[in-house]
Amino acid sequence: MKRTLVGAAVALAALTAAGGAEAKGCIKGAIVGGIAGHYAGHHGLVGAAAGCAIGRHRANARARQMDQQQMGSSAQPVSAR
């Protein structure tokens, strides 16, 4: 129990220290990874860290894809009448 509380405190401190843009995707990934890590051999902290990294990667990839779609749609030429 004590180990879980310390882990939660460390995770909370890390999340509050991260900026808003850096935390995008991290919180959801950390929660899912922490739960999965806990049930896969009591490695909740390792799972939370990995989940955070994966969540951030996916959020950044999604943001890049949205930027490319917006640039692609705004770069189309306007047809002449």
C-alpha atoms as a PDB file:
ATOM      1  CA  MET A   1       0.000   0.000   0.000  1.00  0.00           C
ATOM      2  CA  LYS A   2       2.793   2.387   0.912  1.00  0.00           C
ATOM      3  CA  ARG A   3       4.537   1.671  -2.380  1.00  0.00           C
ATOM      4  CA  THR A   4       1.353   2.445  -4.313  1.00  0.00           C
ATOM      5  CA  LEU A   5       0.894   5.759  -2.530  1.00  0.00           C
ATOM      6  CA  VAL A   6       4.510   6.748  -3.157  1.00  0.00           C
ATOM      7  CA  GLY A   7       4.116   5.812  -6.823  1.00  0.00           C
ATOM      8  CA  ALA A   8       0.947   7.829  -7.117  1.00  0.00           C
ATOM      9  CA  ALA A   9       2.615  10.821  -5.476  1.00  0.00           C
ATOM     10  CA  VAL A  10       5.587  10.600  -7.845  1.00  0.00           C
ATOM     11  CA  ALA A  11       3.289  10.289 -10.865  1.00  0.00           C
ATOM     12  CA  LEU A  12       1.204  13.238  -9.711  1.00  0.00           C
ATOM     13  CA  ALA A  13       4.312  15.354  -9.178  1.00  0.00           C
ATOM     14  CA  ALA A  14       5.593  14.453 -12.640  1.00  0.00           C
ATOM     15  CA  LEU A  15       2.265  15.303 -14.253  1.00  0.00           C
ATOM     16  CA  THR A  16       1.982  18.661 -12.530  1.00  0.00           C
ATOM     17  CA  ALA A  17       5.563  19.549 -13.481  1.00  0.00           C
ATOM     18  CA  ALA A  18       4.933  18.793 -17.163  1.00  0.00           C
ATOM     19  CA  GLY A  19       3.514  21.549 -19.324  1.00  0.00           C
ATOM     20  CA  GLY A  20       0.100  21.362 -20.922  1.00  0.00           C
ATOM     21  CA  ALA A  21       1.424  20.524 -24.377  1.00  0.00           C
ATOM     22  CA  GLU A  22       3.757  17.865 -23.024  1.00  0.00           C
ATOM     23  CA  ALA A  23       1.035  16.191 -20.953  1.00  0.00           C
ATOM     24  CA  LYS A  24      -1.303  15.700 -23.902  1.00  0.00           C
ATOM     25  CA  GLY A  25      -1.924  11.978 -24.156  1.00  0.00           C
ATOM     26  CA  CYS A  26       0.313  11.251 -21.186  1.00  0.00           C
ATOM     27  CA  ILE A  27      -2.332  11.141 -18.483  1.00  0.00           C
ATOM     28  CA  LYS A  28      -4.600   8.671 -20.257  1.00  0.00           C
ATOM     29  CA  GLY A  29      -1.627   6.519 -21.272  1.00  0.00           C
ATOM     30  CA  ALA A  30      -0.196   6.574 -17.756  1.00  0.00           C
ATOM     31  CA  ILE A  31      -3.481   5.445 -16.248  1.00  0.00           C
ATOM     32  CA  VAL A  32      -3.921   2.596 -18.710  1.00  0.00           C
ATOM     33  CA  GLY A  33      -0.247   1.609 -18.530  1.00  0.00           C
ATOM     34  CA  GLY A  34      -0.204   1.742 -14.752  1.00  0.00           C
ATOM     35  CA  ILE A  35      -3.205  -0.549 -14.473  1.00  0.00           C
ATOM     36  CA  ALA A  36      -1.797  -2.965 -17.051  1.00  0.00           C
ATOM     37  CA  GLY A  37       1.612  -2.930 -15.372  1.00  0.00           C
ATOM     38  CA  HIS A  38       0.072  -3.564 -11.978  1.00  0.00           C
ATOM     39  CA  TYR A  39      -1.737  -6.663 -13.183  1.00  0.00           C
ATOM     40  CA  ALA A  40       1.285  -7.870 -15.173  1.00  0.00           C
ATOM     41  CA  GLY A  41       3.539  -8.544 -12.210  1.00  0.00           C
ATOM     42  CA  HIS A  42       3.105  -5.483  -9.971  1.00  0.00           C
ATOM     43  CA  HIS A  43       5.044  -3.112 -12.230  1.00  0.00           C
ATOM     44  CA  GLY A  44       2.601  -0.223 -12.107  1.00  0.00           C
ATOM     45  CA  LEU A  45       5.216   2.530 -12.199  1.00  0.00           C
ATOM     46  CA  VAL A  46       6.990   1.037 -15.193  1.00  0.00           C
ATOM     47  CA  GLY A  47       3.656   0.594 -16.940  1.00  0.00           C
ATOM     48  CA  ALA A  48       2.660   4.173 -16.168  1.00  0.00           C
ATOM     49  CA  ALA A  49       5.915   5.536 -17.563  1.00  0.00           C
ATOM     50  CA  ALA A  50       5.619   3.437 -20.721  1.00  0.00           C
ATOM     51  CA  GLY A  51       1.949   4.342 -21.103  1.00  0.00           C
ATOM     52  CA  CYS A  52       2.783   8.022 -20.775  1.00  0.00           C
ATOM     53  CA  ALA A  53       5.449   7.773 -23.471  1.00  0.00           C
ATOM     54  CA  ILE A  54       3.139   5.884 -25.827  1.00  0.00           C
ATOM     55  CA  GLY A  55       0.265   8.285 -25.158  1.00  0.00           C
ATOM     56  CA  ARG A  56       2.436  11.295 -25.921  1.00  0.00           C
ATOM     57  CA  HIS A  57       3.730   9.650 -29.098  1.00  0.00           C
ATOM     58  CA  ARG A  58       0.206   8.921 -30.329  1.00  0.00           C
ATOM     59  CA  ALA A  59      -1.025  12.424 -29.447  1.00  0.00           C
ATOM     60  CA  ASN A  60       1.899  14.004 -31.305  1.00  0.00           C
ATOM     61  CA  ALA A  61       1.323  11.755 -34.323  1.00  0.00           C
ATOM     62  CA  ARG A  62      -2.368  12.663 -34.333  1.00  0.00           C
ATOM     63  CA  ALA A  63      -1.517  16.370 -34.121  1.00  0.00           C
ATOM     64  CA  ARG A  64       0.939  16.074 -37.043  1.00  0.00           C
ATOM     65  CA  GLN A  65      -1.700  14.268 -39.095  1.00  0.00           C
ATOM     66  CA  MET A  66      -4.277  16.969 -38.367  1.00  0.00           C
ATOM     67  CA  ASP A  67      -1.771  19.686 -39.328  1.00  0.00           C
ATOM     68  CA  GLN A  68      -1.030  17.933 -42.621  1.00  0.00           C
ATOM     69  CA  GLN A  69      -4.735  17.577 -43.390  1.00  0.00           C
ATOM     70  CA  GLN A  70      -5.344  21.258 -42.672  1.00  0.00           C
ATOM     71  CA  MET A  71      -2.401  22.328 -44.795  1.00  0.00           C
ATOM     72  CA  GLY A  72      -3.495  20.011 -47.592  1.00  0.00           C
ATOM     73  CA  SER A  73      -7.028  21.353 -47.669  1.00  0.00           C
ATOM     74  CA  SER A  74      -5.939  25.002 -47.504  1.00  0.00           C
ATOM     75  CA  ALA A  75      -3.339  24.581 -50.276  1.00  0.00           C
ATOM     76  CA  GLN A  76      -5.866  23.453 -52.894  1.00  0.00           C
ATOM     77  CA  PRO A  77      -6.256  25.979 -55.714  1.00  0.00           C
ATOM     78  CA  VAL A  78      -9.506  27.841 -56.132  1.00  0.00           C
ATOM     79  CA  SER A  79     -11.211  27.036 -59.441  1.00  0.00           C
ATOM     80  CA  ALA A  80     -11.740  29.901 -61.876  1.00  0.00           C
ATOM     81  CA  ARG A  81     -15.282  30.779 -62.880  1.00  0.00           C
END
